Structure formats: C-alpha cells, structure tokens
C-alpha cells in the first residue's frame, strides 16, 4: 500500500513540475517579443537605432564632433499592404558630419475616405551602424492618425554618435540607410 501511495505522490509531483514548466514556457513566449525589442533598443542589434533626448545630445558633447567625418544618410520609405497612404522623404539623401545633429522630413498622406492610424517601424543598414545612429525626435515613436485626404510633414531629428569613428567594422561605411515601413494599426470601432 505504501508503494502505491509513494508512486502516486511521485506522479503528482512530476505532473506539477511539467505544468510549471509549461506555464513558464508560455510566459516566456509572451515575453519574447518585448524582451527582444528591449534588447535591440539597448544594443542596436539588427540595425536598431538608439534614442536620446535633446538634453542627452547636448550633454554628450556630440555637437563638437560634427565635422570629423562626413556620411551620406539615405532615406527609404514603404507602406504595408492595406495602408492607403502615400509616404516618402522630402529629400532622399543628406550628408552629415559624425556627431552633428541633422533633420529629415517625411511626408505622409491618407488617400482614403476614412481616418486611418499607422505605426512606423524602422531599421538602419548596415546593421553595424545601428548602435551609433541615434534619434532625438521621430514620428516613429508614436502612432500617427491621418484624417481622410490629410497630408502631414513629419520630422526625424538624429545624429551619428562619434563612437562610430572608433568602430573598426564601420571604417569603410560611407552611407547609412534609414528605412521606415508604415503599418496600419487596427483600432476597435469605439476608438477610431
């Protein structure tokens, strides 16, 4: 009798451990996307640009490094299927000094007959430049809602961190591409 009770207790313990492992895996599955985004934002992995405030830029001394090396910054713009927007940069390319602050303007127009909210995702190539490409202000930080036929000009304020100059992987980089893709944001009917 004690052997049967011991066996059942062992089976219950195994079942509880298996259930705990399954719940932990489920929790990690839900946490994976935000954790990955946080990892990319901190490290610049995969060409993810960094973020800074105007005060952080001024305090970093980056403004003093703006003439060290010139880079061509190219702008790429796309819209996902199902988003009836025109979206493009005002200028396709600018030249900036490493450490110098610059601004680009993107234009978005809602070509539909209803309000639409979009969210831009972004990327920097080559990927090794991502940790040094820093945005101070960007339309991509928040969702954008455009009314029917509305056209807006959206600024991006950025700089390339002077640490870029010390990275041997970037010694041959002459052009950085900042790419955006706007996706529609689905809103419940009561929030449109």
Protein backbone atom coordinates (compact mmCIF):
# COMPACT_ATOMS: atom_id res chain seq x y z
CA UNK A 1 0.00 0.00 0.00
CA UNK A 2 2.78 2.45 0.79
CA UNK A 3 4.40 1.64 -2.56
CA UNK A 4 1.19 2.65 -4.37
CA UNK A 5 0.92 5.88 -2.34
CA UNK A 6 4.59 6.67 -2.99
CA UNK A 7 4.14 6.07 -6.73
CA UNK A 8 1.06 8.35 -6.88
CA UNK A 9 2.86 11.08 -4.96
CA UNK A 10 5.75 10.85 -7.43
CA UNK A 11 3.33 11.04 -10.37
CA UNK A 12 1.63 14.13 -8.87
CA UNK A 13 5.00 15.80 -8.33
CA UNK A 14 6.02 15.03 -11.94
CA UNK A 15 2.70 16.39 -13.21
CA UNK A 16 3.12 19.60 -11.17
CA UNK A 17 6.67 20.08 -12.43
CA UNK A 18 5.52 19.51 -16.04
CA UNK A 19 2.66 22.00 -15.57
CA UNK A 20 5.03 24.58 -14.07
CA UNK A 21 7.48 24.15 -16.95
CA UNK A 22 4.64 24.50 -19.48
CA UNK A 23 3.39 27.70 -17.80
CA UNK A 24 6.92 29.12 -17.69
CA UNK A 25 7.38 28.39 -21.41
CA UNK A 26 4.03 30.04 -22.18
CA UNK A 27 5.06 33.12 -20.16
CA UNK A 28 8.41 33.31 -21.95
CA UNK A 29 6.60 33.04 -25.29
CA UNK A 30 4.54 36.13 -24.48
CA UNK A 31 7.57 37.99 -23.08
CA UNK A 32 9.86 37.15 -26.02
CA UNK A 33 8.79 39.98 -28.33
CA UNK A 34 9.02 42.83 -25.79
CA UNK A 35 12.27 41.42 -24.40
CA UNK A 36 13.74 41.17 -27.91
CA UNK A 37 12.70 44.76 -28.71
CA UNK A 38 14.25 45.95 -25.47
CA UNK A 39 17.47 44.03 -26.24
CA UNK A 40 17.64 45.54 -29.75
CA UNK A 41 16.98 49.06 -28.46
CA UNK A 42 19.73 48.80 -25.85
CA UNK A 43 22.35 47.14 -28.05
CA UNK A 44 21.49 48.39 -31.54
CA UNK A 45 21.27 44.75 -32.64
CA UNK A 46 19.91 44.21 -36.13
CA UNK A 47 20.31 47.85 -37.10
CA UNK A 48 18.02 49.20 -34.39
CA UNK A 49 18.79 52.91 -33.89
CA UNK A 50 19.28 54.34 -30.41
CA UNK A 51 17.10 57.03 -28.80
CA UNK A 52 18.20 60.17 -26.98
CA UNK A 53 16.66 63.41 -25.81
CA UNK A 54 17.87 66.83 -26.89
CA UNK A 55 19.39 67.30 -23.42
CA UNK A 56 21.27 63.98 -23.67
CA UNK A 57 22.63 65.04 -27.06
CA UNK A 58 23.84 68.39 -25.74
CA UNK A 59 25.36 66.80 -22.61
CA UNK A 60 27.20 64.14 -24.62
CA UNK A 61 29.41 66.65 -26.40
CA UNK A 62 28.37 65.17 -29.78
CA UNK A 63 27.79 68.63 -31.21
CA UNK A 64 31.52 69.29 -31.04
CA UNK A 65 32.32 66.25 -33.21
CA UNK A 66 30.13 67.23 -36.17
CA UNK A 67 32.92 67.84 -38.66
CA UNK A 68 35.09 64.75 -38.08
CA UNK A 69 33.83 62.58 -40.94
CA UNK A 70 31.05 63.03 -43.46
CA UNK A 71 28.46 60.31 -44.10
CA UNK A 72 25.68 60.07 -46.63
CA UNK A 73 22.35 59.24 -44.98
CA UNK A 74 19.82 57.72 -47.37
CA UNK A 75 16.11 57.55 -46.55
CA UNK A 76 13.84 54.70 -47.59
CA UNK A 77 10.06 54.68 -47.13
CA UNK A 78 7.44 51.96 -47.57
CA UNK A 79 3.84 51.24 -46.65
CA UNK A 80 2.49 47.82 -45.84
CA UNK A 81 -0.29 46.37 -47.95
CA UNK A 82 -3.67 47.60 -46.80
CA UNK A 83 -2.45 51.06 -45.82
CA UNK A 84 -3.71 53.56 -48.42
CA UNK A 85 -1.10 56.20 -47.65
CA UNK A 86 1.48 57.95 -49.77
CA UNK A 87 4.67 58.07 -47.69
CA UNK A 88 8.03 59.44 -48.80
CA UNK A 89 11.01 61.51 -47.64
CA UNK A 90 11.19 65.15 -48.70
CA UNK A 91 14.86 64.51 -49.62
CA UNK A 92 16.18 61.04 -50.43
CA UNK A 93 19.67 61.74 -49.10
CA UNK A 94 21.56 64.16 -46.84
CA UNK A 95 25.23 64.47 -45.90
CA UNK A 96 26.03 64.79 -42.21
CA UNK A 97 29.14 65.01 -40.07
CA UNK A 98 29.55 62.28 -37.48
CA UNK A 99 28.29 63.75 -34.20
CA UNK A 100 26.40 66.56 -35.91
CA UNK A 101 22.66 66.78 -35.48
CA UNK A 102 20.51 66.70 -38.62
CA UNK A 103 16.84 66.62 -39.56
CA UNK A 104 14.90 64.83 -42.26
CA UNK A 105 11.27 65.43 -43.18
CA UNK A 106 8.92 62.65 -44.27
CA UNK A 107 5.55 63.31 -45.85
CA UNK A 108 2.51 61.10 -45.34
CA UNK A 109 -0.89 61.48 -46.99
CA UNK A 110 -4.03 59.47 -46.27
CA UNK A 111 -5.52 58.66 -49.69
CA UNK A 112 -8.65 57.03 -48.24
CA UNK A 113 -12.04 58.42 -47.28
CA UNK A 114 -11.74 57.49 -43.58
CA UNK A 115 -9.34 58.24 -40.71
CA UNK A 116 -6.50 55.73 -40.51
CA UNK A 117 -3.90 55.19 -37.82
CA UNK A 118 -0.46 53.92 -38.76
CA UNK A 119 2.70 52.99 -36.94
CA UNK A 120 6.17 53.15 -38.48
CA UNK A 121 8.83 50.54 -37.83
CA UNK A 122 12.39 51.40 -38.69
CA UNK A 123 15.76 49.91 -39.43
CA UNK A 124 19.28 51.09 -40.14
CA UNK A 125 21.66 49.46 -42.60
CA UNK A 126 24.39 48.48 -42.49
CA UNK A 127 23.40 46.80 -39.22
CA UNK A 128 26.74 47.54 -37.54
CA UNK A 129 25.92 51.26 -37.77
CA UNK A 130 22.68 50.78 -35.78
CA UNK A 131 24.22 51.23 -32.33
CA UNK A 132 25.57 54.64 -33.38
CA UNK A 133 22.55 56.03 -35.25
CA UNK A 134 20.61 57.93 -32.60
CA UNK A 135 17.19 59.55 -32.93
CA UNK A 136 16.25 62.51 -30.78
CA UNK A 137 12.78 63.04 -32.23
CA UNK A 138 10.83 60.79 -34.57
CA UNK A 139 7.29 60.24 -35.79
CA UNK A 140 8.01 56.54 -35.32
CA UNK A 141 7.92 56.89 -31.52
CA UNK A 142 4.10 57.18 -31.59
CA UNK A 143 1.14 56.13 -33.72
CA UNK A 144 0.04 58.62 -36.38
CA UNK A 145 -3.63 59.19 -37.22
CA UNK A 146 -4.41 60.89 -40.52
CA UNK A 147 -7.85 62.13 -41.47
CA UNK A 148 -9.23 61.48 -45.00
CA UNK A 149 -7.05 63.32 -47.52
CA UNK A 150 -4.82 64.79 -44.78
CA UNK A 151 -1.15 65.32 -45.57
CA UNK A 152 1.42 65.86 -42.83
CA UNK A 153 5.13 66.65 -42.66
CA UNK A 154 6.88 64.55 -40.02
CA UNK A 155 10.41 65.35 -38.78
CA UNK A 156 13.16 62.99 -37.71
CA UNK A 157 15.93 64.60 -35.65
CA UNK A 158 19.04 62.40 -35.49
CA UNK A 159 22.82 62.14 -35.23
CA UNK A 160 25.51 59.50 -35.67
CA UNK A 161 27.36 59.01 -32.38
CA UNK A 162 31.07 59.87 -32.52
CA UNK A 163 31.86 56.37 -31.15
CA UNK A 164 31.11 55.28 -34.74
CA UNK A 165 34.60 56.57 -35.62
CA UNK A 166 36.25 54.12 -33.20
CA UNK A 167 34.49 51.00 -34.51
CA UNK A 168 36.74 49.11 -36.95
CA UNK A 169 33.66 47.46 -38.50
CA UNK A 170 32.49 50.90 -39.67
CA UNK A 171 35.76 52.23 -41.11
CA UNK A 172 34.60 51.64 -44.70
CA UNK A 173 30.99 52.75 -44.19
CA UNK A 174 30.23 55.82 -46.28
CA UNK A 175 26.43 55.54 -46.43
CA UNK A 176 23.80 54.66 -43.83
CA UNK A 177 20.23 53.92 -44.86
CA UNK A 178 17.36 54.77 -42.51
CA UNK A 179 14.35 52.76 -43.62
CA UNK A 180 10.73 53.09 -42.47
CA UNK A 181 7.67 50.98 -43.15
CA UNK A 182 4.25 52.22 -42.05
CA UNK A 183 1.72 49.57 -40.98
CA UNK A 184 -1.97 50.10 -40.30
CA UNK A 185 -2.95 49.95 -36.62
CA UNK A 186 -6.19 48.15 -36.03
CA UNK A 187 -8.39 50.03 -33.58
CA UNK A 188 -11.67 48.82 -32.09
CA UNK A 189 -14.66 50.63 -33.62
CA UNK A 190 -15.23 52.67 -30.46
CA UNK A 191 -11.65 54.08 -30.63
CA UNK A 192 -11.49 55.07 -34.31
